[in-house]
Amino acid sequence: MLFKSLEFKNAVGQKVKVVEIPVLGEDNPYKFMIHVRLQTFITSIYGEMQAKKVYSFKEYLKRVLKWRDYQEIYKADQLKNNA
């Protein structure tokens, strides 16, 4: 699975980095949900005055999603013949 990260400055001017954002294909049924959750997460971070420098989107999804949906998004692809 591929991950991306996002860096921006919050309302106070501090640099904030969001890591472990999954890259999903266009045909993935979770793509829209991830997009909306990411917007919500960034909006909540943007307004914080005492923001941390690095946030994990994966940990945020673990808290807010149903476990079944979380596993489907972050499932590890099994390699054939240990290749």
PDB file of N, CA and C in Angstrom:
ATOM      1  N   MET A   1       0.836  -1.172   0.000  1.00  0.00           N
ATOM      2  CA  MET A   1       0.000   0.000   0.000  1.00  0.00           C
ATOM      3  C   MET A   1       0.884   1.238   0.000  1.00  0.00           C
ATOM      4  N   LEU A   2       0.438   2.222  -0.747  1.00  0.00           N
ATOM      5  CA  LEU A   2       1.153   3.481  -0.816  1.00  0.00           C
ATOM      6  C   LEU A   2       0.526   4.486   0.146  1.00  0.00           C
ATOM      7  N   PHE A   3       1.383   5.294   0.738  1.00  0.00           N
ATOM      8  CA  PHE A   3       0.930   6.340   1.651  1.00  0.00           C
ATOM      9  C   PHE A   3       1.473   7.676   1.172  1.00  0.00           C
ATOM     10  N   LYS A   4       0.753   8.723   1.470  1.00  0.00           N
ATOM     11  CA  LYS A   4       1.236  10.064   1.185  1.00  0.00           C
ATOM     12  C   LYS A   4       1.198  10.875   2.463  1.00  0.00           C
ATOM     13  N   SER A   5       1.849  12.018   2.441  1.00  0.00           N
ATOM     14  CA  SER A   5       1.821  12.913   3.589  1.00  0.00           C
ATOM     15  C   SER A   5       1.473  14.316   3.089  1.00  0.00           C
ATOM     16  N   LEU A   6       1.037  15.147   4.010  1.00  0.00           N
ATOM     17  CA  LEU A   6       0.590  16.487   3.679  1.00  0.00           C
ATOM     18  C   LEU A   6       1.164  17.444   4.707  1.00  0.00           C
ATOM     19  N   GLU A   7       1.718  18.563   4.225  1.00  0.00           N
ATOM     20  CA  GLU A   7       2.286  19.570   5.117  1.00  0.00           C
ATOM     21  C   GLU A   7       1.599  20.902   4.856  1.00  0.00           C
ATOM     22  N   PHE A   8       1.243  21.601   5.928  1.00  0.00           N
ATOM     23  CA  PHE A   8       0.610  22.912   5.802  1.00  0.00           C
ATOM     24  C   PHE A   8       0.870  23.710   7.070  1.00  0.00           C
ATOM     25  N   LYS A   9       0.522  24.992   7.022  1.00  0.00           N
ATOM     26  CA  LYS A   9       0.631  25.850   8.204  1.00  0.00           C
ATOM     27  C   LYS A   9      -0.764  26.067   8.766  1.00  0.00           C
ATOM     28  N   ASN A  10      -0.879  25.959  10.099  1.00  0.00           N
ATOM     29  CA  ASN A  10      -2.185  26.130  10.734  1.00  0.00           C
ATOM     30  C   ASN A  10      -2.490  27.615  10.920  1.00  0.00           C
ATOM     31  N   ALA A  11      -3.576  27.930  11.621  1.00  0.00           N
ATOM     32  CA  ALA A  11      -4.034  29.309  11.799  1.00  0.00           C
ATOM     33  C   ALA A  11      -3.004  30.173  12.527  1.00  0.00           C
ATOM     34  N   VAL A  12      -2.192  29.553  13.390  1.00  0.00           N
ATOM     35  CA  VAL A  12      -1.186  30.280  14.160  1.00  0.00           C
ATOM     36  C   VAL A  12       0.103  30.462  13.363  1.00  0.00           C
ATOM     37  N   GLY A  13       0.299  29.662  12.327  1.00  0.00           N
ATOM     38  CA  GLY A  13       1.499  29.747  11.506  1.00  0.00           C
ATOM     39  C   GLY A  13       2.485  28.627  11.748  1.00  0.00           C
ATOM     40  N   GLN A  14       2.124  27.652  12.579  1.00  0.00           N
ATOM     41  CA  GLN A  14       3.002  26.511  12.832  1.00  0.00           C
ATOM     42  C   GLN A  14       2.909  25.524  11.671  1.00  0.00           C
ATOM     43  N   LYS A  15       4.049  24.919  11.345  1.00  0.00           N
ATOM     44  CA  LYS A  15       4.046  23.875  10.330  1.00  0.00           C
ATOM     45  C   LYS A  15       3.489  22.595  10.926  1.00  0.00           C
ATOM     46  N   VAL A  16       2.552  21.980  10.213  1.00  0.00           N
ATOM     47  CA  VAL A  16       1.915  20.748  10.656  1.00  0.00           C
ATOM     48  C   VAL A  16       2.029  19.733   9.533  1.00  0.00           C
ATOM     49  N   LYS A  17       2.311  18.480   9.909  1.00  0.00           N
ATOM     50  CA  LYS A  17       2.443  17.417   8.925  1.00  0.00           C
ATOM     51  C   LYS A  17       1.466  16.294   9.275  1.00  0.00           C
ATOM     52  N   VAL A  18       0.703  15.843   8.276  1.00  0.00           N
ATOM     53  CA  VAL A  18      -0.206  14.716   8.423  1.00  0.00           C
ATOM     54  C   VAL A  18       0.393  13.576   7.612  1.00  0.00           C
ATOM     55  N   VAL A  19       0.658  12.444   8.283  1.00  0.00           N
ATOM     56  CA  VAL A  19       1.308  11.308   7.627  1.00  0.00           C
ATOM     57  C   VAL A  19       0.370  10.106   7.570  1.00  0.00           C
ATOM     58  N   GLU A  20       0.768   9.095   6.822  1.00  0.00           N
ATOM     59  CA  GLU A  20       0.060   7.817   6.682  1.00  0.00           C
ATOM     60  C   GLU A  20      -1.333   7.986   6.076  1.00  0.00           C
ATOM     61  N   ILE A  21      -1.423   8.799   5.025  1.00  0.00           N
ATOM     62  CA  ILE A  21      -2.675   8.950   4.288  1.00  0.00           C
ATOM     63  C   ILE A  21      -2.661   7.903   3.175  1.00  0.00           C
ATOM     64  N   PRO A  22      -3.629   6.989   3.155  1.00  0.00           N
ATOM     65  CA  PRO A  22      -3.606   5.932   2.144  1.00  0.00           C
ATOM     66  C   PRO A  22      -3.937   6.469   0.752  1.00  0.00           C
ATOM     67  N   VAL A  23      -3.267   5.911  -0.258  1.00  0.00           N
ATOM     68  CA  VAL A  23      -3.550   6.241  -1.648  1.00  0.00           C
ATOM     69  C   VAL A  23      -4.413   5.109  -2.189  1.00  0.00           C
ATOM     70  N   LEU A  24      -5.656   5.431  -2.515  1.00  0.00           N
ATOM     71  CA  LEU A  24      -6.605   4.429  -2.987  1.00  0.00           C
ATOM     72  C   LEU A  24      -6.899   4.660  -4.464  1.00  0.00           C
ATOM     73  N   GLY A  25      -7.208   3.580  -5.170  1.00  0.00           N
ATOM     74  CA  GLY A  25      -7.540   3.667  -6.582  1.00  0.00           C
ATOM     75  C   GLY A  25      -8.889   4.335  -6.811  1.00  0.00           C
ATOM     76  N   GLU A  26      -9.127   4.767  -8.039  1.00  0.00           N
ATOM     77  CA  GLU A  26     -10.374   5.444  -8.381  1.00  0.00           C
ATOM     78  C   GLU A  26     -11.593   4.548  -8.179  1.00  0.00           C
ATOM     79  N   ASP A  27     -11.427   3.251  -8.358  1.00  0.00           N
ATOM     80  CA  ASP A  27     -12.556   2.325  -8.253  1.00  0.00           C
ATOM     81  C   ASP A  27     -12.786   1.819  -6.828  1.00  0.00           C
ATOM     82  N   ASN A  28     -11.981   2.257  -5.878  1.00  0.00           N
ATOM     83  CA  ASN A  28     -12.113   1.805  -4.493  1.00  0.00           C
ATOM     84  C   ASN A  28     -13.345   2.435  -3.847  1.00  0.00           C
ATOM     85  N   PRO A  29     -14.218   1.634  -3.222  1.00  0.00           N
ATOM     86  CA  PRO A  29     -15.431   2.188  -2.613  1.00  0.00           C
ATOM     87  C   PRO A  29     -15.165   3.078  -1.394  1.00  0.00           C
ATOM     88  N   TYR A  30     -13.970   3.029  -0.820  1.00  0.00           N
ATOM     89  CA  TYR A  30     -13.640   3.838   0.360  1.00  0.00           C
ATOM     90  C   TYR A  30     -12.999   5.179   0.006  1.00  0.00           C
ATOM     91  N   LYS A  31     -12.775   5.447  -1.262  1.00  0.00           N
ATOM     92  CA  LYS A  31     -12.075   6.666  -1.678  1.00  0.00           C
ATOM     93  C   LYS A  31     -12.803   7.937  -1.210  1.00  0.00           C
ATOM     94  N   PHE A  32     -14.113   7.990  -1.416  1.00  0.00           N
ATOM     95  CA  PHE A  32     -14.875   9.176  -1.024  1.00  0.00           C
ATOM     96  C   PHE A  32     -14.862   9.355   0.499  1.00  0.00           C
ATOM     97  N   MET A  33     -15.028   8.258   1.232  1.00  0.00           N
ATOM     98  CA  MET A  33     -15.044   8.323   2.689  1.00  0.00           C
ATOM     99  C   MET A  33     -13.705   8.836   3.220  1.00  0.00           C
ATOM    100  N   ILE A  34     -12.598   8.353   2.654  1.00  0.00           N
ATOM    101  CA  ILE A  34     -11.270   8.809   3.073  1.00  0.00           C
ATOM    102  C   ILE A  34     -11.107  10.298   2.784  1.00  0.00           C
ATOM    103  N   HIS A  35     -11.580  10.731   1.625  1.00  0.00           N
ATOM    104  CA  HIS A  35     -11.466  12.140   1.243  1.00  0.00           C
ATOM    105  C   HIS A  35     -12.212  13.037   2.237  1.00  0.00           C
ATOM    106  N   VAL A  36     -13.440  12.653   2.594  1.00  0.00           N
ATOM    107  CA  VAL A  36     -14.241  13.443   3.540  1.00  0.00           C
ATOM    108  C   VAL A  36     -13.612  13.419   4.929  1.00  0.00           C
ATOM    109  N   ARG A  37     -13.158  12.249   5.383  1.00  0.00           N
ATOM    110  CA  ARG A  37     -12.526  12.150   6.708  1.00  0.00           C
ATOM    111  C   ARG A  37     -11.244  12.981   6.769  1.00  0.00           C
ATOM    112  N   LEU A  38     -10.482  13.012   5.669  1.00  0.00           N
ATOM    113  CA  LEU A  38      -9.248  13.808   5.637  1.00  0.00           C
ATOM    114  C   LEU A  38      -9.572  15.292   5.737  1.00  0.00           C
ATOM    115  N   GLN A  39     -10.595  15.747   5.025  1.00  0.00           N
ATOM    116  CA  GLN A  39     -10.991  17.150   5.121  1.00  0.00           C
ATOM    117  C   GLN A  39     -11.417  17.509   6.542  1.00  0.00           C
ATOM    118  N   THR A  40     -12.182  16.631   7.173  1.00  0.00           N
ATOM    119  CA  THR A  40     -12.627  16.863   8.543  1.00  0.00           C
ATOM    120  C   THR A  40     -11.445  16.913   9.503  1.00  0.00           C
ATOM    121  N   PHE A  41     -10.505  15.992   9.326  1.00  0.00           N
ATOM    122  CA  PHE A  41      -9.321  15.925  10.181  1.00  0.00           C
ATOM    123  C   PHE A  41      -8.470  17.183  10.043  1.00  0.00           C
ATOM    124  N   ILE A  42      -8.240  17.622   8.819  1.00  0.00           N
ATOM    125  CA  ILE A  42      -7.415  18.816   8.583  1.00  0.00           C
ATOM    126  C   ILE A  42      -8.100  20.059   9.146  1.00  0.00           C
ATOM    127  N   THR A  43      -9.418  20.139   8.996  1.00  0.00           N
ATOM    128  CA  THR A  43     -10.162  21.283   9.553  1.00  0.00           C
ATOM    129  C   THR A  43     -10.033  21.335  11.068  1.00  0.00           C
ATOM    130  N   SER A  44     -10.087  20.180  11.722  1.00  0.00           N
ATOM    131  CA  SER A  44      -9.957  20.160  13.181  1.00  0.00           C
ATOM    132  C   SER A  44      -8.537  20.531  13.620  1.00  0.00           C
ATOM    133  N   ILE A  45      -7.544  20.135  12.848  1.00  0.00           N
ATOM    134  CA  ILE A  45      -6.157  20.479  13.179  1.00  0.00           C
ATOM    135  C   ILE A  45      -5.901  21.960  12.939  1.00  0.00           C
ATOM    136  N   TYR A  46      -6.442  22.497  11.873  1.00  0.00           N
ATOM    137  CA  TYR A  46      -6.166  23.874  11.474  1.00  0.00           C
ATOM    138  C   TYR A  46      -6.529  24.883  12.562  1.00  0.00           C
ATOM    139  N   GLY A  47      -7.609  24.644  13.279  1.00  0.00           N
ATOM    140  CA  GLY A  47      -8.054  25.590  14.292  1.00  0.00           C
ATOM    141  C   GLY A  47      -7.367  25.466  15.642  1.00  0.00           C
ATOM    142  N   GLU A  48      -6.583  24.421  15.862  1.00  0.00           N
ATOM    143  CA  GLU A  48      -5.939  24.225  17.167  1.00  0.00           C
ATOM    144  C   GLU A  48      -4.826  25.240  17.385  1.00  0.00           C
ATOM    145  N   MET A  49      -4.766  25.766  18.579  1.00  0.00           N
ATOM    146  CA  MET A  49      -3.718  26.725  18.907  1.00  0.00           C
ATOM    147  C   MET A  49      -2.431  26.022  19.341  1.00  0.00           C
ATOM    148  N   GLN A  50      -2.543  24.938  20.079  1.00  0.00           N
ATOM    149  CA  GLN A  50      -1.373  24.184  20.537  1.00  0.00           C
ATOM    150  C   GLN A  50      -1.289  22.871  19.760  1.00  0.00           C
ATOM    151  N   ALA A  51      -1.056  22.978  18.487  1.00  0.00           N
ATOM    152  CA  ALA A  51      -1.025  21.797  17.625  1.00  0.00           C
ATOM    153  C   ALA A  51       0.308  21.064  17.751  1.00  0.00           C
ATOM    154  N   LYS A  52       0.226  19.743  17.593  1.00  0.00           N
ATOM    155  CA  LYS A  52       1.451  18.952  17.510  1.00  0.00           C
ATOM    156  C   LYS A  52       2.056  19.206  16.139  1.00  0.00           C
ATOM    157  N   LYS A  53       3.277  18.754  15.946  1.00  0.00           N
ATOM    158  CA  LYS A  53       3.934  18.967  14.656  1.00  0.00           C
ATOM    159  C   LYS A  53       3.587  17.883  13.649  1.00  0.00           C
ATOM    160  N   VAL A  54       3.347  16.659  14.134  1.00  0.00           N
ATOM    161  CA  VAL A  54       3.056  15.540  13.238  1.00  0.00           C
ATOM    162  C   VAL A  54       1.818  14.806  13.743  1.00  0.00           C
ATOM    163  N   TYR A  55       0.890  14.566  12.827  1.00  0.00           N
ATOM    164  CA  TYR A  55      -0.328  13.816  13.125  1.00  0.00           C
ATOM    165  C   TYR A  55      -0.368  12.590  12.235  1.00  0.00           C
ATOM    166  N   SER A  56      -0.904  11.503  12.759  1.00  0.00           N
ATOM    167  CA  SER A  56      -1.064  10.276  11.996  1.00  0.00           C
ATOM    168  C   SER A  56      -2.528  10.131  11.594  1.00  0.00           C
ATOM    169  N   PHE A  57      -2.777  10.149  10.291  1.00  0.00           N
ATOM    170  CA  PHE A  57      -4.132   9.971   9.786  1.00  0.00           C
ATOM    171  C   PHE A  57      -4.608   8.542  10.034  1.00  0.00           C
ATOM    172  N   LYS A  58      -3.671   7.612  10.035  1.00  0.00           N
ATOM    173  CA  LYS A  58      -4.000   6.210  10.292  1.00  0.00           C
ATOM    174  C   LYS A  58      -4.550   6.040  11.709  1.00  0.00           C
ATOM    175  N   GLU A  59      -3.922   6.684  12.686  1.00  0.00           N
ATOM    176  CA  GLU A  59      -4.400   6.612  14.070  1.00  0.00           C
ATOM    177  C   GLU A  59      -5.760   7.299  14.223  1.00  0.00           C
ATOM    178  N   TYR A  60      -5.966   8.383  13.505  1.00  0.00           N
ATOM    179  CA  TYR A  60      -7.263   9.065  13.543  1.00  0.00           C
ATOM    180  C   TYR A  60      -8.358   8.150  13.010  1.00  0.00           C
ATOM    181  N   LEU A  61      -8.094   7.476  11.878  1.00  0.00           N
ATOM    182  CA  LEU A  61      -9.089   6.572  11.308  1.00  0.00           C
ATOM    183  C   LEU A  61      -9.363   5.392  12.237  1.00  0.00           C
ATOM    184  N   LYS A  62      -8.347   4.952  12.948  1.00  0.00           N
ATOM    185  CA  LYS A  62      -8.536   3.846  13.883  1.00  0.00           C
ATOM    186  C   LYS A  62      -9.546   4.228  14.971  1.00  0.00           C
ATOM    187  N   ARG A  63      -9.556   5.488  15.367  1.00  0.00           N
ATOM    188  CA  ARG A  63     -10.476   5.947  16.401  1.00  0.00           C
ATOM    189  C   ARG A  63     -11.896   6.175  15.881  1.00  0.00           C
ATOM    190  N   VAL A  64     -12.053   6.631  14.641  1.00  0.00           N
ATOM    191  CA  VAL A  64     -13.375   7.071  14.175  1.00  0.00           C
ATOM    192  C   VAL A  64     -14.110   6.072  13.282  1.00  0.00           C
ATOM    193  N   LEU A  65     -13.421   5.110  12.707  1.00  0.00           N
ATOM    194  CA  LEU A  65     -14.076   4.160  11.799  1.00  0.00           C
ATOM    195  C   LEU A  65     -14.449   2.871  12.503  1.00  0.00           C
ATOM    196  N   LYS A  66     -15.358   2.156  11.887  1.00  0.00           N
ATOM    197  CA  LYS A  66     -15.630   0.799  12.338  1.00  0.00           C
ATOM    198  C   LYS A  66     -14.408  -0.045  12.023  1.00  0.00           C
ATOM    199  N   TRP A  67     -14.131  -1.012  12.862  1.00  0.00           N
ATOM    200  CA  TRP A  67     -12.916  -1.813  12.714  1.00  0.00           C
ATOM    201  C   TRP A  67     -12.868  -2.522  11.362  1.00  0.00           C
ATOM    202  N   ARG A  68     -14.006  -3.019  10.901  1.00  0.00           N
ATOM    203  CA  ARG A  68     -14.061  -3.733   9.619  1.00  0.00           C
ATOM    204  C   ARG A  68     -13.643  -2.812   8.465  1.00  0.00           C
ATOM    205  N   ASP A  69     -14.139  -1.578   8.470  1.00  0.00           N
ATOM    206  CA  ASP A  69     -13.783  -0.618   7.425  1.00  0.00           C
ATOM    207  C   ASP A  69     -12.300  -0.256   7.504  1.00  0.00           C
ATOM    208  N   TYR A  70     -11.807  -0.082   8.716  1.00  0.00           N
ATOM    209  CA  TYR A  70     -10.382   0.242   8.910  1.00  0.00           C
ATOM    210  C   TYR A  70      -9.487  -0.864   8.342  1.00  0.00           C
ATOM    211  N   GLN A  71      -9.846  -2.112   8.614  1.00  0.00           N
ATOM    212  CA  GLN A  71      -9.053  -3.237   8.112  1.00  0.00           C
ATOM    213  C   GLN A  71      -9.091  -3.312   6.595  1.00  0.00           C
ATOM    214  N   GLU A  72     -10.234  -3.018   5.991  1.00  0.00           N
ATOM    215  CA  GLU A  72     -10.344  -3.054   4.534  1.00  0.00           C
ATOM    216  C   GLU A  72      -9.460  -1.974   3.891  1.00  0.00           C
ATOM    217  N   ILE A  73      -9.377  -0.836   4.510  1.00  0.00           N
ATOM    218  CA  ILE A  73      -8.573   0.253   3.954  1.00  0.00           C
ATOM    219  C   ILE A  73      -7.085  -0.043   4.082  1.00  0.00           C
ATOM    220  N   TYR A  74      -6.655  -0.509   5.242  1.00  0.00           N
ATOM    221  CA  TYR A  74      -5.236  -0.716   5.503  1.00  0.00           C
ATOM    222  C   TYR A  74      -4.798  -2.172   5.405  1.00  0.00           C
ATOM    223  N   LYS A  75      -5.565  -2.992   4.699  1.00  0.00           N
ATOM    224  CA  LYS A  75      -5.183  -4.404   4.595  1.00  0.00           C
ATOM    225  C   LYS A  75      -3.846  -4.533   3.871  1.00  0.00           C
ATOM    226  N   ALA A  76      -3.044  -5.454   4.347  1.00  0.00           N
ATOM    227  CA  ALA A  76      -1.723  -5.701   3.750  1.00  0.00           C
ATOM    228  C   ALA A  76      -1.888  -6.734   2.649  1.00  0.00           C
ATOM    229  N   ASP A  77      -1.322  -6.450   1.494  1.00  0.00           N
ATOM    230  CA  ASP A  77      -1.367  -7.402   0.389  1.00  0.00           C
ATOM    231  C   ASP A  77      -0.388  -8.531   0.666  1.00  0.00           C
ATOM    232  N   GLN A  78      -0.878  -9.751   0.546  1.00  0.00           N
ATOM    233  CA  GLN A  78      -0.030 -10.919   0.771  1.00  0.00           C
ATOM    234  C   GLN A  78       0.769 -11.192  -0.494  1.00  0.00           C
ATOM    235  N   LEU A  79       2.051 -11.384  -0.345  1.00  0.00           N
ATOM    236  CA  LEU A  79       2.901 -11.684  -1.486  1.00  0.00           C
ATOM    237  C   LEU A  79       2.869 -13.181  -1.776  1.00  0.00           C
ATOM    238  N   LYS A  80       2.815 -13.512  -3.046  1.00  0.00           N
ATOM    239  CA  LYS A  80       2.752 -14.907  -3.443  1.00  0.00           C
ATOM    240  C   LYS A  80       4.155 -15.518  -3.362  1.00  0.00           C
ATOM    241  N   ASN A  81       4.263 -16.660  -2.732  1.00  0.00           N
ATOM    242  CA  ASN A  81       5.527 -17.388  -2.605  1.00  0.00           C
ATOM    243  C   ASN A  81       6.631 -16.561  -1.947  1.00  0.00           C
ATOM    244  N   ASN A  82       6.243 -15.698  -1.021  1.00  0.00           N
ATOM    245  CA  ASN A  82       7.200 -14.860  -0.281  1.00  0.00           C
ATOM    246  C   ASN A  82       8.068 -13.996  -1.196  1.00  0.00           C
ATOM    247  N   ALA A  83       7.560 -13.633  -2.335  1.00  0.00           N
ATOM    248  CA  ALA A  83       8.339 -12.837  -3.300  1.00  0.00           C
ATOM    249  C   ALA A  83       8.253 -11.371  -2.966  1.00  0.00           C
TER     250      ALA A  83
END
